[in-house]
């Protein structure tokens, strides 16, 4: 729906440049294929939280906290860790169209 709206707007406004990133696809790709190559050893449980997989409550002073957050994909039940966010930023800036299209963020920055 968003892609359709952006395409329609760019047809009306010829100078408009856009490129939505696909966070879901990036996350699934890490979970299913590439987490070993980026040093994640835990892609299911959150680093900070409580309950099943630390994913049933927000991070708080009383929450469970992992000792090595750089090895986790998820910080809490909603947010990625700093390492995961850095990986996402690099992917959006220069990654394949599978994750960011119609152009990379680098191309938007050059425009």
C-alpha atoms as a PDB file:
ATOM      1  CA  UNK A   1       0.000   0.000   0.000  1.00  0.00           C
ATOM      2  CA  UNK A   2       2.777   2.458   0.905  1.00  0.00           C
ATOM      3  CA  UNK A   3       4.763   1.553  -2.206  1.00  0.00           C
ATOM      4  CA  UNK A   4       1.700   2.144  -4.388  1.00  0.00           C
ATOM      5  CA  UNK A   5       1.089   5.538  -2.788  1.00  0.00           C
ATOM      6  CA  UNK A   6       4.729   6.576  -3.178  1.00  0.00           C
ATOM      7  CA  UNK A   7       4.789   5.464  -6.809  1.00  0.00           C
ATOM      8  CA  UNK A   8       1.618   7.443  -7.504  1.00  0.00           C
ATOM      9  CA  UNK A   9       3.015  10.544  -5.807  1.00  0.00           C
ATOM     10  CA  UNK A  10       6.293  10.277  -7.721  1.00  0.00           C
ATOM     11  CA  UNK A  11       4.298  10.126 -10.962  1.00  0.00           C
ATOM     12  CA  UNK A  12       2.596  13.391 -10.023  1.00  0.00           C
ATOM     13  CA  UNK A  13       5.723  15.097  -8.662  1.00  0.00           C
ATOM     14  CA  UNK A  14       8.535  14.341 -11.115  1.00  0.00           C
ATOM     15  CA  UNK A  15      11.311  15.623  -8.816  1.00  0.00           C
ATOM     16  CA  UNK A  16      10.205  13.445  -5.905  1.00  0.00           C
ATOM     17  CA  UNK A  17      12.740  10.796  -4.925  1.00  0.00           C
ATOM     18  CA  UNK A  18      11.962   8.004  -2.469  1.00  0.00           C
ATOM     19  CA  UNK A  19      13.100   4.583  -1.426  1.00  0.00           C
ATOM     20  CA  UNK A  20      11.351   2.630   1.338  1.00  0.00           C
ATOM     21  CA  UNK A  21      13.376   0.038   3.181  1.00  0.00           C
ATOM     22  CA  UNK A  22      12.027  -3.410   3.947  1.00  0.00           C
ATOM     23  CA  UNK A  23      12.858  -3.965   7.624  1.00  0.00           C
ATOM     24  CA  UNK A  24      10.856  -7.195   7.743  1.00  0.00           C
ATOM     25  CA  UNK A  25      12.814  -8.737   4.863  1.00  0.00           C
ATOM     26  CA  UNK A  26      16.139  -7.637   6.380  1.00  0.00           C
ATOM     27  CA  UNK A  27      15.213  -9.194   9.733  1.00  0.00           C
ATOM     28  CA  UNK A  28      14.023 -12.477   8.222  1.00  0.00           C
ATOM     29  CA  UNK A  29      17.198 -12.653   6.136  1.00  0.00           C
ATOM     30  CA  UNK A  30      19.349 -12.324   9.261  1.00  0.00           C
ATOM     31  CA  UNK A  31      17.308 -14.906  11.161  1.00  0.00           C
ATOM     32  CA  UNK A  32      17.218 -17.474   8.365  1.00  0.00           C
ATOM     33  CA  UNK A  33      20.522 -17.014   6.564  1.00  0.00           C
ATOM     34  CA  UNK A  34      23.210 -14.652   7.659  1.00  0.00           C
ATOM     35  CA  UNK A  35      23.278 -14.164  11.410  1.00  0.00           C
ATOM     36  CA  UNK A  36      26.511 -16.127  11.826  1.00  0.00           C
ATOM     37  CA  UNK A  37      28.362 -13.819   9.458  1.00  0.00           C
ATOM     38  CA  UNK A  38      27.436 -10.722  11.481  1.00  0.00           C
ATOM     39  CA  UNK A  39      28.234 -12.239  14.904  1.00  0.00           C
ATOM     40  CA  UNK A  40      24.666 -12.720  16.162  1.00  0.00           C
ATOM     41  CA  UNK A  41      24.485 -15.835  18.295  1.00  0.00           C
ATOM     42  CA  UNK A  42      20.924 -15.149  19.469  1.00  0.00           C
ATOM     43  CA  UNK A  43      18.220 -14.208  16.970  1.00  0.00           C
ATOM     44  CA  UNK A  44      15.095 -15.297  18.855  1.00  0.00           C
ATOM     45  CA  UNK A  45      15.356 -14.014  22.424  1.00  0.00           C
ATOM     46  CA  UNK A  46      15.535 -10.344  23.324  1.00  0.00           C
ATOM     47  CA  UNK A  47      18.533  -9.067  25.255  1.00  0.00           C
ATOM     48  CA  UNK A  48      16.419  -7.170  27.781  1.00  0.00           C
ATOM     49  CA  UNK A  49      12.931  -8.093  28.954  1.00  0.00           C
ATOM     50  CA  UNK A  50      10.994 -10.755  30.788  1.00  0.00           C
ATOM     51  CA  UNK A  51       8.882 -13.806  30.076  1.00  0.00           C
ATOM     52  CA  UNK A  52       9.249 -16.221  27.190  1.00  0.00           C
ATOM     53  CA  UNK A  53      12.397 -15.309  25.207  1.00  0.00           C
ATOM     54  CA  UNK A  54      12.483 -11.998  27.142  1.00  0.00           C
ATOM     55  CA  UNK A  55       9.765 -10.884  24.744  1.00  0.00           C
ATOM     56  CA  UNK A  56       6.727 -10.435  26.952  1.00  0.00           C
ATOM     57  CA  UNK A  57       7.556  -7.100  28.572  1.00  0.00           C
ATOM     58  CA  UNK A  58       9.589  -3.969  28.026  1.00  0.00           C
ATOM     59  CA  UNK A  59      13.125  -3.501  29.215  1.00  0.00           C
ATOM     60  CA  UNK A  60      13.068  -2.031  32.715  1.00  0.00           C
ATOM     61  CA  UNK A  61      15.377  -1.834  35.743  1.00  0.00           C
ATOM     62  CA  UNK A  62      13.907  -5.154  36.947  1.00  0.00           C
ATOM     63  CA  UNK A  63      14.159  -6.953  33.583  1.00  0.00           C
ATOM     64  CA  UNK A  64      16.547  -9.732  32.640  1.00  0.00           C
ATOM     65  CA  UNK A  65      19.591  -8.320  30.853  1.00  0.00           C
ATOM     66  CA  UNK A  66      21.951 -10.303  28.654  1.00  0.00           C
ATOM     67  CA  UNK A  67      25.687  -9.965  29.320  1.00  0.00           C
ATOM     68  CA  UNK A  68      26.654  -9.423  25.663  1.00  0.00           C
ATOM     69  CA  UNK A  69      24.078  -7.403  23.728  1.00  0.00           C
ATOM     70  CA  UNK A  70      26.283  -7.235  20.610  1.00  0.00           C
ATOM     71  CA  UNK A  71      25.450 -10.913  19.998  1.00  0.00           C
ATOM     72  CA  UNK A  72      21.665 -10.342  20.063  1.00  0.00           C
ATOM     73  CA  UNK A  73      19.454  -9.294  17.167  1.00  0.00           C
ATOM     74  CA  UNK A  74      16.704  -7.884  19.411  1.00  0.00           C
ATOM     75  CA  UNK A  75      17.152  -5.468  22.306  1.00  0.00           C
ATOM     76  CA  UNK A  76      13.603  -5.818  23.658  1.00  0.00           C
ATOM     77  CA  UNK A  77      10.247  -7.005  22.390  1.00  0.00           C
ATOM     78  CA  UNK A  78      10.136  -4.257  19.712  1.00  0.00           C
ATOM     79  CA  UNK A  79      13.602  -2.838  19.081  1.00  0.00           C
ATOM     80  CA  UNK A  80      16.765  -4.130  17.417  1.00  0.00           C
ATOM     81  CA  UNK A  81      20.115  -3.927  19.170  1.00  0.00           C
ATOM     82  CA  UNK A  82      22.676  -1.285  18.229  1.00  0.00           C
ATOM     83  CA  UNK A  83      24.579  -3.809  16.089  1.00  0.00           C
ATOM     84  CA  UNK A  84      21.387  -4.784  14.252  1.00  0.00           C
ATOM     85  CA  UNK A  85      20.527  -1.110  13.698  1.00  0.00           C
ATOM     86  CA  UNK A  86      23.989  -0.438  12.281  1.00  0.00           C
ATOM     87  CA  UNK A  87      23.630  -3.402   9.936  1.00  0.00           C
ATOM     88  CA  UNK A  88      20.220  -2.107   8.812  1.00  0.00           C
ATOM     89  CA  UNK A  89      21.646   1.364   8.148  1.00  0.00           C
ATOM     90  CA  UNK A  90      24.462  -0.036   6.001  1.00  0.00           C
ATOM     91  CA  UNK A  91      22.007  -2.275   4.139  1.00  0.00           C
ATOM     92  CA  UNK A  92      19.626   0.606   3.433  1.00  0.00           C
ATOM     93  CA  UNK A  93      22.486   2.817   2.302  1.00  0.00           C
ATOM     94  CA  UNK A  94      24.159   0.361  -0.047  1.00  0.00           C
ATOM     95  CA  UNK A  95      22.289  -2.953   0.003  1.00  0.00           C
ATOM     96  CA  UNK A  96      20.451  -4.861  -2.712  1.00  0.00           C
ATOM     97  CA  UNK A  97      17.010  -3.906  -4.044  1.00  0.00           C
ATOM     98  CA  UNK A  98      15.574  -6.841  -2.138  1.00  0.00           C
ATOM     99  CA  UNK A  99      15.870  -4.647   0.971  1.00  0.00           C
ATOM    100  CA  UNK A 100      15.670  -1.113  -0.424  1.00  0.00           C
ATOM    101  CA  UNK A 101      14.068  -0.027  -3.707  1.00  0.00           C
ATOM    102  CA  UNK A 102      13.677   1.576  -6.170  1.00  0.00           C
ATOM    103  CA  UNK A 103      17.105   3.016  -5.310  1.00  0.00           C
ATOM    104  CA  UNK A 104      19.582   2.709  -2.459  1.00  0.00           C
ATOM    105  CA  UNK A 105      19.744   5.473   0.138  1.00  0.00           C
ATOM    106  CA  UNK A 106      23.242   6.262  -1.175  1.00  0.00           C
ATOM    107  CA  UNK A 107      21.684   7.217  -4.499  1.00  0.00           C
ATOM    108  CA  UNK A 108      19.188   9.474  -2.714  1.00  0.00           C
ATOM    109  CA  UNK A 109      22.044  11.170  -0.877  1.00  0.00           C
ATOM    110  CA  UNK A 110      23.843  11.819  -4.168  1.00  0.00           C
ATOM    111  CA  UNK A 111      20.765  13.361  -5.807  1.00  0.00           C
END
